[in-house]
C-alpha atoms as a PDB file:
ATOM      1  CA  MET A   1     143.363 -23.569 132.275  1.00  0.00           C
ATOM      2  CA  ASP A   2     145.171 -21.916 135.171  1.00  0.00           C
ATOM      3  CA  GLY A   3     145.597 -18.189 134.666  1.00  0.00           C
ATOM      4  CA  PHE A   4     142.308 -17.545 132.915  1.00  0.00           C
ATOM      5  CA  GLY A   5     139.982 -15.097 134.630  1.00  0.00           C
ATOM      6  CA  PRO A   6     136.194 -15.287 134.607  1.00  0.00           C
ATOM      7  CA  ALA A   7     134.841 -14.879 131.035  1.00  0.00           C
ATOM      8  CA  VAL A   8     138.340 -14.266 129.626  1.00  0.00           C
ATOM      9  CA  ASP A   9     138.839 -15.871 126.178  1.00  0.00           C
ATOM     10  CA  GLY A  10     135.373 -17.437 126.467  1.00  0.00           C
ATOM     11  CA  TYR A  11     136.243 -19.509 129.537  1.00  0.00           C
ATOM     12  CA  VAL A  12     134.170 -19.559 132.737  1.00  0.00           C
ATOM     13  CA  ASP A  13     133.628 -22.447 135.096  1.00  0.00           C
ATOM     14  CA  VAL A  14     129.851 -22.933 135.130  1.00  0.00           C
ATOM     15  CA  VAL A  15     129.856 -25.799 137.634  1.00  0.00           C
ATOM     16  CA  ASP A  16     128.934 -23.559 140.576  1.00  0.00           C
ATOM     17  CA  GLN A  17     127.590 -20.629 138.567  1.00  0.00           C
ATOM     18  CA  LEU A  18     124.087 -20.686 140.033  1.00  0.00           C
ATOM     19  CA  PRO A  19     125.192 -20.935 143.740  1.00  0.00           C
ATOM     20  CA  ARG A  20     127.688 -18.092 143.171  1.00  0.00           C
ATOM     21  CA  TYR A  21     124.998 -15.945 141.572  1.00  0.00           C
ATOM     22  CA  VAL A  22     122.550 -16.576 144.401  1.00  0.00           C
ATOM     23  CA  SER A  23     125.266 -15.868 147.019  1.00  0.00           C
ATOM     24  CA  GLN A  24     126.188 -12.611 145.300  1.00  0.00           C
ATOM     25  CA  ARG A  25     122.547 -11.516 145.247  1.00  0.00           C
ATOM     26  CA  ALA A  26     122.057 -12.497 148.866  1.00  0.00           C
ATOM     27  CA  ALA A  27     125.221 -10.923 150.281  1.00  0.00           C
ATOM     28  CA  PRO A  28     123.859  -7.307 150.566  1.00  0.00           C
ATOM     29  CA  HIS A  29     120.778  -8.598 152.394  1.00  0.00           C
ATOM     30  CA  PHE A  30     122.924 -10.566 154.823  1.00  0.00           C
ATOM     31  CA  ASP A  31     125.061  -7.422 155.445  1.00  0.00           C
ATOM     32  CA  ALA A  32     121.941  -5.379 156.075  1.00  0.00           C
ATOM     33  CA  GLU A  33     120.568  -7.917 158.562  1.00  0.00           C
ATOM     34  CA  ARG A  34     123.882  -8.068 160.464  1.00  0.00           C
ATOM     35  CA  ALA A  35     123.945  -4.248 160.620  1.00  0.00           C
ATOM     36  CA  GLU A  36     120.366  -4.239 161.946  1.00  0.00           C
ATOM     37  CA  LYS A  37     121.225  -6.774 164.670  1.00  0.00           C
ATOM     38  CA  ARG A  38     124.328  -4.831 165.701  1.00  0.00           C
ATOM     39  CA  SER A  39     122.198  -1.694 166.065  1.00  0.00           C
ATOM     40  CA  ILE A  40     119.995  -3.260 168.730  1.00  0.00           C
ATOM     41  CA  ASP A  41     120.752  -1.351 171.912  1.00  0.00           C
ATOM     42  CA  SER A  42     117.777  -1.994 174.177  1.00  0.00           C
ATOM     43  CA  ARG A  43     115.283  -4.629 175.130  1.00  0.00           C
ATOM     44  CA  ALA A  44     112.491  -2.545 173.549  1.00  0.00           C
ATOM     45  CA  THR A  45     114.349  -2.487 170.199  1.00  0.00           C
ATOM     46  CA  PHE A  46     114.918  -6.224 170.375  1.00  0.00           C
ATOM     47  CA  GLU A  47     111.282  -6.936 171.140  1.00  0.00           C
ATOM     48  CA  GLU A  48     110.096  -4.642 168.344  1.00  0.00           C
ATOM     49  CA  ARG A  49     112.291  -6.513 165.850  1.00  0.00           C
ATOM     50  CA  ARG A  50     111.190  -9.892 167.239  1.00  0.00           C
ATOM     51  CA  ASN A  51     107.514  -9.054 166.886  1.00  0.00           C
ATOM     52  CA  ARG A  52     108.015  -7.691 163.383  1.00  0.00           C
ATOM     53  CA  LEU A  53     109.829 -10.851 162.291  1.00  0.00           C
ATOM     54  CA  ARG A  54     107.228 -13.069 163.950  1.00  0.00           C
ATOM     55  CA  THR A  55     104.444 -11.242 162.050  1.00  0.00           C
ATOM     56  CA  LEU A  56     106.389 -11.486 158.788  1.00  0.00           C
ATOM     57  CA  PHE A  57     107.069 -15.199 159.245  1.00  0.00           C
ATOM     58  CA  ARG A  58     103.450 -15.952 160.108  1.00  0.00           C
ATOM     59  CA  SER A  59     102.302 -14.087 157.002  1.00  0.00           C
ATOM     60  CA  ARG A  60     104.777 -15.994 154.769  1.00  0.00           C
ATOM     61  CA  LEU A  61     103.266 -19.221 156.115  1.00  0.00           C
ATOM     62  CA  GLY A  62      99.821 -18.047 155.191  1.00  0.00           C
ATOM     63  CA  GLY A  63      98.863 -17.792 158.831  1.00  0.00           C
ATOM     64  CA  LEU A  64      98.225 -20.776 161.102  1.00  0.00           C
ATOM     65  CA  PRO A  65      95.086 -22.955 160.902  1.00  0.00           C
ATOM     66  CA  ASP A  66      92.351 -22.539 163.458  1.00  0.00           C
ATOM     67  CA  ARG A  67      92.355 -24.947 166.343  1.00  0.00           C
ATOM     68  CA  VAL A  68      89.609 -27.527 166.583  1.00  0.00           C
ATOM     69  CA  ALA A  69      87.029 -26.268 169.085  1.00  0.00           C
ATOM     70  CA  GLU A  70      86.711 -29.592 170.911  1.00  0.00           C
ATOM     71  CA  PRO A  71      89.434 -31.904 169.549  1.00  0.00           C
ATOM     72  CA  THR A  72      89.140 -35.622 170.171  1.00  0.00           C
ATOM     73  CA  VAL A  73      91.984 -37.072 172.266  1.00  0.00           C
ATOM     74  CA  ARG A  74      92.302 -40.816 172.808  1.00  0.00           C
ATOM     75  CA  THR A  75      94.764 -42.907 174.768  1.00  0.00           C
ATOM     76  CA  THR A  76      94.947 -46.223 172.903  1.00  0.00           C
ATOM     77  CA  GLU A  77      97.609 -48.150 174.835  1.00  0.00           C
ATOM     78  CA  LEU A  78      99.473 -48.015 178.130  1.00  0.00           C
ATOM     79  CA  VAL A  79     102.929 -49.530 178.788  1.00  0.00           C
ATOM     80  CA  ARG A  80     104.449 -49.418 182.269  1.00  0.00           C
ATOM     81  CA  ARG A  81     108.173 -49.055 182.845  1.00  0.00           C
ATOM     82  CA  ASP A  82     110.350 -48.587 185.906  1.00  0.00           C
ATOM     83  CA  GLY A  83     109.760 -45.012 187.013  1.00  0.00           C
ATOM     84  CA  TYR A  84     107.433 -43.967 184.189  1.00  0.00           C
ATOM     85  CA  ARG A  85     104.742 -45.095 181.806  1.00  0.00           C
ATOM     86  CA  ILE A  86     104.214 -44.714 178.075  1.00  0.00           C
ATOM     87  CA  GLU A  87     100.760 -43.714 176.755  1.00  0.00           C
ATOM     88  CA  SER A  88      99.940 -44.069 173.043  1.00  0.00           C
ATOM     89  CA  VAL A  89      97.921 -40.989 172.143  1.00  0.00           C
ATOM     90  CA  VAL A  90      95.908 -39.828 169.135  1.00  0.00           C
ATOM     91  CA  PHE A  91      94.605 -36.251 168.928  1.00  0.00           C
ATOM     92  CA  GLU A  92      92.988 -34.079 166.303  1.00  0.00           C
ATOM     93  CA  SER A  93      94.901 -31.081 164.968  1.00  0.00           C
ATOM     94  CA  ARG A  94      92.315 -30.385 162.246  1.00  0.00           C
ATOM     95  CA  PRO A  95      88.821 -31.831 161.841  1.00  0.00           C
ATOM     96  CA  LYS A  96      89.279 -35.595 161.206  1.00  0.00           C
ATOM     97  CA  PHE A  97      93.039 -35.048 160.780  1.00  0.00           C
ATOM     98  CA  HIS A  98      94.763 -37.072 163.466  1.00  0.00           C
ATOM     99  CA  VAL A  99      98.214 -36.888 165.017  1.00  0.00           C
ATOM    100  CA  THR A 100      99.783 -40.011 166.579  1.00  0.00           C
ATOM    101  CA  ALA A 101     102.111 -39.599 169.509  1.00  0.00           C
ATOM    102  CA  ASN A 102     103.623 -41.281 172.565  1.00  0.00           C
ATOM    103  CA  CYS A 103     103.514 -39.617 175.972  1.00  0.00           C
ATOM    104  CA  TYR A 104     106.172 -40.599 178.521  1.00  0.00           C
ATOM    105  CA  VAL A 105     104.894 -39.831 182.016  1.00  0.00           C
ATOM    106  CA  PRO A 106     107.166 -40.065 185.089  1.00  0.00           C
ATOM    107  CA  THR A 107     105.915 -41.543 188.311  1.00  0.00           C
ATOM    108  CA  GLY A 108     104.717 -38.990 190.828  1.00  0.00           C
ATOM    109  CA  ASP A 109     102.025 -36.352 191.168  1.00  0.00           C
ATOM    110  CA  GLY A 110     103.930 -33.441 189.668  1.00  0.00           C
ATOM    111  CA  PRO A 111     103.531 -30.849 188.440  1.00  0.00           C
ATOM    112  CA  HIS A 112     106.344 -31.936 186.093  1.00  0.00           C
ATOM    113  CA  PRO A 113     108.264 -29.931 183.528  1.00  0.00           C
ATOM    114  CA  ALA A 114     107.491 -31.170 179.996  1.00  0.00           C
ATOM    115  CA  VAL A 115     109.177 -31.551 176.617  1.00  0.00           C
ATOM    116  CA  LEU A 116     107.586 -31.613 173.182  1.00  0.00           C
ATOM    117  CA  PHE A 117     109.844 -33.913 171.084  1.00  0.00           C
ATOM    118  CA  LEU A 118     109.695 -33.215 167.322  1.00  0.00           C
ATOM    119  CA  CYS A 119     111.028 -35.934 164.983  1.00  0.00           C
ATOM    120  CA  GLY A 120     113.309 -35.549 162.007  1.00  0.00           C
ATOM    121  CA  HIS A 121     113.010 -37.485 158.775  1.00  0.00           C
ATOM    122  CA  HIS A 122     112.893 -41.158 159.639  1.00  0.00           C
ATOM    123  CA  ASP A 123     110.149 -43.570 158.574  1.00  0.00           C
ATOM    124  CA  ALA A 124     109.651 -44.912 162.109  1.00  0.00           C
ATOM    125  CA  ALA A 125     109.654 -41.403 163.628  1.00  0.00           C
ATOM    126  CA  LYS A 126     108.679 -41.633 167.294  1.00  0.00           C
ATOM    127  CA  VAL A 127     109.733 -45.287 167.745  1.00  0.00           C
ATOM    128  CA  THR A 128     113.263 -45.119 166.326  1.00  0.00           C
ATOM    129  CA  PRO A 129     115.736 -46.445 168.927  1.00  0.00           C
ATOM    130  CA  GLU A 130     117.533 -43.102 169.229  1.00  0.00           C
ATOM    131  CA  ASN A 131     114.331 -41.152 169.837  1.00  0.00           C
ATOM    132  CA  GLN A 132     113.048 -43.697 172.328  1.00  0.00           C
ATOM    133  CA  ARG A 133     116.348 -43.537 174.262  1.00  0.00           C
ATOM    134  CA  ALA A 134     116.115 -39.784 174.505  1.00  0.00           C
ATOM    135  CA  CYS A 135     112.501 -39.952 175.719  1.00  0.00           C
ATOM    136  CA  HIS A 136     113.382 -42.660 178.287  1.00  0.00           C
ATOM    137  CA  GLU A 137     116.175 -40.476 179.713  1.00  0.00           C
ATOM    138  CA  LEU A 138     113.982 -37.417 179.933  1.00  0.00           C
ATOM    139  CA  ALA A 139     111.150 -39.342 181.647  1.00  0.00           C
ATOM    140  CA  ARG A 140     113.569 -40.889 184.118  1.00  0.00           C
ATOM    141  CA  ASN A 141     114.689 -37.382 184.994  1.00  0.00           C
ATOM    142  CA  GLY A 142     111.189 -36.179 185.741  1.00  0.00           C
ATOM    143  CA  PHE A 143     109.966 -34.779 182.416  1.00  0.00           C
ATOM    144  CA  VAL A 144     106.641 -35.528 180.774  1.00  0.00           C
ATOM    145  CA  VAL A 145     107.576 -36.068 177.110  1.00  0.00           C
ATOM    146  CA  LEU A 146     105.261 -35.970 174.126  1.00  0.00           C
ATOM    147  CA  ILE A 147     106.897 -37.273 170.978  1.00  0.00           C
ATOM    148  CA  VAL A 148     104.866 -36.663 167.813  1.00  0.00           C
ATOM    149  CA  ASP A 149     104.788 -38.398 164.434  1.00  0.00           C
ATOM    150  CA  PRO A 150     105.136 -35.853 161.623  1.00  0.00           C
ATOM    151  CA  ILE A 151     102.847 -36.000 158.576  1.00  0.00           C
ATOM    152  CA  ALA A 152     103.509 -39.157 156.490  1.00  0.00           C
ATOM    153  CA  GLN A 153     105.860 -40.665 159.122  1.00  0.00           C
ATOM    154  CA  GLY A 154     105.440 -43.268 161.827  1.00  0.00           C
ATOM    155  CA  GLU A 155     101.790 -44.268 162.139  1.00  0.00           C
ATOM    156  CA  ARG A 156     100.541 -41.350 160.048  1.00  0.00           C
ATOM    157  CA  HIS A 157     100.158 -43.186 156.752  1.00  0.00           C
ATOM    158  CA  GLN A 158      99.485 -40.995 153.765  1.00  0.00           C
ATOM    159  CA  TYR A 159      99.349 -41.400 149.975  1.00  0.00           C
ATOM    160  CA  ARG A 160      98.510 -45.063 150.006  1.00  0.00           C
ATOM    161  CA  ASP A 161      96.450 -47.155 147.557  1.00  0.00           C
ATOM    162  CA  LEU A 162      93.023 -47.522 149.150  1.00  0.00           C
ATOM    163  CA  GLU A 163      92.630 -51.091 147.885  1.00  0.00           C
ATOM    164  CA  THR A 164      96.092 -52.568 148.420  1.00  0.00           C
ATOM    165  CA  GLY A 165      97.392 -50.343 151.205  1.00  0.00           C
ATOM    166  CA  GLU A 166     100.670 -49.953 149.311  1.00  0.00           C
ATOM    167  CA  ARG A 167     102.531 -46.673 149.658  1.00  0.00           C
ATOM    168  CA  LEU A 168     102.234 -44.511 146.581  1.00  0.00           C
ATOM    169  CA  VAL A 169     104.662 -41.799 147.680  1.00  0.00           C
ATOM    170  CA  GLY A 170     107.510 -42.744 149.985  1.00  0.00           C
ATOM    171  CA  GLY A 171     111.240 -42.627 150.539  1.00  0.00           C
ATOM    172  CA  GLY A 172     113.763 -40.454 152.215  1.00  0.00           C
ATOM    173  CA  GLY A 173     112.326 -41.125 155.681  1.00  0.00           C
ATOM    174  CA  GLY A 174     109.320 -38.959 154.840  1.00  0.00           C
ATOM    175  CA  VAL A 175     111.169 -36.424 152.707  1.00  0.00           C
ATOM    176  CA  PHE A 176     109.512 -37.418 149.415  1.00  0.00           C
ATOM    177  CA  ALA A 177     106.023 -37.442 150.927  1.00  0.00           C
ATOM    178  CA  HIS A 178     106.721 -34.014 152.412  1.00  0.00           C
ATOM    179  CA  CYS A 179     107.908 -32.707 149.018  1.00  0.00           C
ATOM    180  CA  HIS A 180     104.732 -34.164 147.431  1.00  0.00           C
ATOM    181  CA  ALA A 181     102.500 -32.547 150.054  1.00  0.00           C
ATOM    182  CA  GLY A 182     104.527 -29.329 149.876  1.00  0.00           C
ATOM    183  CA  GLN A 183     103.978 -29.069 146.134  1.00  0.00           C
ATOM    184  CA  LYS A 184     100.199 -29.434 146.614  1.00  0.00           C
ATOM    185  CA  CYS A 185     100.277 -26.761 149.311  1.00  0.00           C
ATOM    186  CA  PHE A 186     102.228 -24.481 146.933  1.00  0.00           C
ATOM    187  CA  TYR A 187      99.547 -24.742 144.268  1.00  0.00           C
ATOM    188  CA  ALA A 188      96.948 -23.943 146.941  1.00  0.00           C
ATOM    189  CA  GLY A 189      98.839 -20.833 147.966  1.00  0.00           C
ATOM    190  CA  THR A 190     100.122 -22.171 151.285  1.00  0.00           C
ATOM    191  CA  THR A 191     102.973 -24.199 152.787  1.00  0.00           C
ATOM    192  CA  LEU A 192     103.384 -27.616 154.410  1.00  0.00           C
ATOM    193  CA  ALA A 193     105.298 -25.886 157.219  1.00  0.00           C
ATOM    194  CA  ARG A 194     102.028 -24.191 158.172  1.00  0.00           C
ATOM    195  CA  TYR A 195     100.386 -27.529 158.973  1.00  0.00           C
ATOM    196  CA  MET A 196     103.408 -29.116 160.603  1.00  0.00           C
ATOM    197  CA  ILE A 197     103.839 -26.153 162.940  1.00  0.00           C
ATOM    198  CA  HIS A 198     100.136 -26.316 163.718  1.00  0.00           C
ATOM    199  CA  ASP A 199     100.461 -30.017 164.627  1.00  0.00           C
ATOM    200  CA  ALA A 200     103.298 -29.147 166.966  1.00  0.00           C
ATOM    201  CA  ARG A 201     101.308 -26.282 168.466  1.00  0.00           C
ATOM    202  CA  CYS A 202      98.456 -28.717 169.212  1.00  0.00           C
ATOM    203  CA  GLY A 203     101.078 -30.934 170.885  1.00  0.00           C
ATOM    204  CA  LEU A 204     101.817 -28.024 173.198  1.00  0.00           C
ATOM    205  CA  ASP A 205      98.074 -27.705 173.868  1.00  0.00           C
ATOM    206  CA  TYR A 206      97.945 -31.366 174.852  1.00  0.00           C
ATOM    207  CA  LEU A 207     100.872 -31.066 177.252  1.00  0.00           C
ATOM    208  CA  ALA A 208      99.605 -27.813 178.810  1.00  0.00           C
ATOM    209  CA  ASP A 209      96.199 -29.416 179.416  1.00  0.00           C
ATOM    210  CA  ARG A 210      97.611 -32.408 181.309  1.00  0.00           C
ATOM    211  CA  PRO A 211      96.979 -31.844 185.042  1.00  0.00           C
ATOM    212  CA  THR A 212     100.443 -33.169 186.004  1.00  0.00           C
ATOM    213  CA  VAL A 213     102.314 -30.749 183.711  1.00  0.00           C
ATOM    214  CA  ASP A 214     103.572 -27.320 184.736  1.00  0.00           C
ATOM    215  CA  PRO A 215     102.485 -25.160 181.752  1.00  0.00           C
ATOM    216  CA  GLU A 216     105.148 -22.578 182.593  1.00  0.00           C
ATOM    217  CA  ARG A 217     107.935 -25.137 182.100  1.00  0.00           C
ATOM    218  CA  ILE A 218     107.433 -26.661 178.640  1.00  0.00           C
ATOM    219  CA  GLY A 219     110.432 -27.025 176.323  1.00  0.00           C
ATOM    220  CA  VAL A 220     110.787 -28.181 172.729  1.00  0.00           C
ATOM    221  CA  VAL A 221     113.556 -30.282 171.195  1.00  0.00           C
ATOM    222  CA  GLY A 222     114.155 -31.884 167.827  1.00  0.00           C
ATOM    223  CA  SER A 223     116.914 -33.035 165.500  1.00  0.00           C
ATOM    224  CA  SER A 224     117.280 -32.481 161.747  1.00  0.00           C
ATOM    225  CA  GLY A 225     113.792 -31.753 160.397  1.00  0.00           C
ATOM    226  CA  GLY A 226     112.696 -31.771 164.031  1.00  0.00           C
ATOM    227  CA  GLY A 227     115.302 -29.072 164.671  1.00  0.00           C
ATOM    228  CA  ILE A 228     113.727 -26.876 162.002  1.00  0.00           C
ATOM    229  CA  GLN A 229     110.258 -27.492 163.490  1.00  0.00           C
ATOM    230  CA  THR A 230     111.631 -26.582 166.928  1.00  0.00           C
ATOM    231  CA  ALA A 231     113.035 -23.237 165.640  1.00  0.00           C
ATOM    232  CA  PHE A 232     109.785 -22.417 163.784  1.00  0.00           C
ATOM    233  CA  LEU A 233     107.495 -23.291 166.690  1.00  0.00           C
ATOM    234  CA  SER A 234     109.653 -21.353 169.169  1.00  0.00           C
ATOM    235  CA  MET A 235     109.380 -18.259 167.009  1.00  0.00           C
ATOM    236  CA  LEU A 236     105.585 -18.446 166.895  1.00  0.00           C
ATOM    237  CA  ASP A 237     104.454 -19.776 170.279  1.00  0.00           C
ATOM    238  CA  GLU A 238     105.409 -17.910 173.488  1.00  0.00           C
ATOM    239  CA  ARG A 239     104.568 -20.908 175.667  1.00  0.00           C
ATOM    240  CA  VAL A 240     107.931 -22.449 174.718  1.00  0.00           C
ATOM    241  CA  ALA A 241     110.106 -21.828 177.828  1.00  0.00           C
ATOM    242  CA  ALA A 242     113.232 -23.432 176.347  1.00  0.00           C
ATOM    243  CA  ALA A 243     114.199 -24.699 172.909  1.00  0.00           C
ATOM    244  CA  ALA A 244     117.006 -27.041 171.846  1.00  0.00           C
ATOM    245  CA  PRO A 245     117.142 -27.444 168.077  1.00  0.00           C
ATOM    246  CA  CYS A 246     119.760 -30.035 167.054  1.00  0.00           C
ATOM    247  CA  CYS A 247     121.255 -30.229 163.537  1.00  0.00           C
ATOM    248  CA  ALA A 248     119.960 -28.439 160.431  1.00  0.00           C
ATOM    249  CA  ILE A 249     120.561 -25.054 162.081  1.00  0.00           C
ATOM    250  CA  THR A 250     123.523 -23.248 160.492  1.00  0.00           C
ATOM    251  CA  GLU A 251     124.758 -19.833 159.525  1.00  0.00           C
ATOM    252  CA  ARG A 252     122.472 -18.467 156.814  1.00  0.00           C
ATOM    253  CA  TYR A 253     125.374 -18.301 154.331  1.00  0.00           C
ATOM    254  CA  GLU A 254     125.957 -22.058 154.751  1.00  0.00           C
END
């Protein structure tokens, strides 16, 4: 078939027809955005654009939920390690909607810098070996670290049979449960991202309220889905002093 052009003699390769169509439609918008960025010539212009995009993003989410006036916070377990301790924490992000987390606290009075650690898609979430290793290293280097289970991951069981306890929606390290929840949010005119960002924001509240944490030095990190959460939270919450999203962040064209 070499030599045939698109739609010549009835031949066109339809394998990637939809991606090509979407890319062609998107290209002018990408060009306009690049031109807008290149035109930024002052801090004031940058901040105006940042505030405009922040407002737009927040509106696309449907806004963020209200914080609980007096959220319950419980420490359920304490494990001591050389140079730090690990506290198992449960806090409310919405009324009777609980977030499970581990808080790694270095030895010493502080105030310490802190890191909010946001997990990617993995069933075990905060207790995967890789995530634990990262938290150990940060704690040994003087950071208070709060690592949070996302919705339907880790200890946050969701969509289970009330009688048998069996999982009704699972797979993909939390991906399928997130898709299921996301579809319900869509029908309700909102997004799952709205609630996941709110959970992370409440994690920042928890860290900032700890007396041994310096609230001016709180960073956020995450990989894969946690990287996306890191980018979203950093856009919306000015308390984030530093952000390190890993994976899942690419050029928009890609």
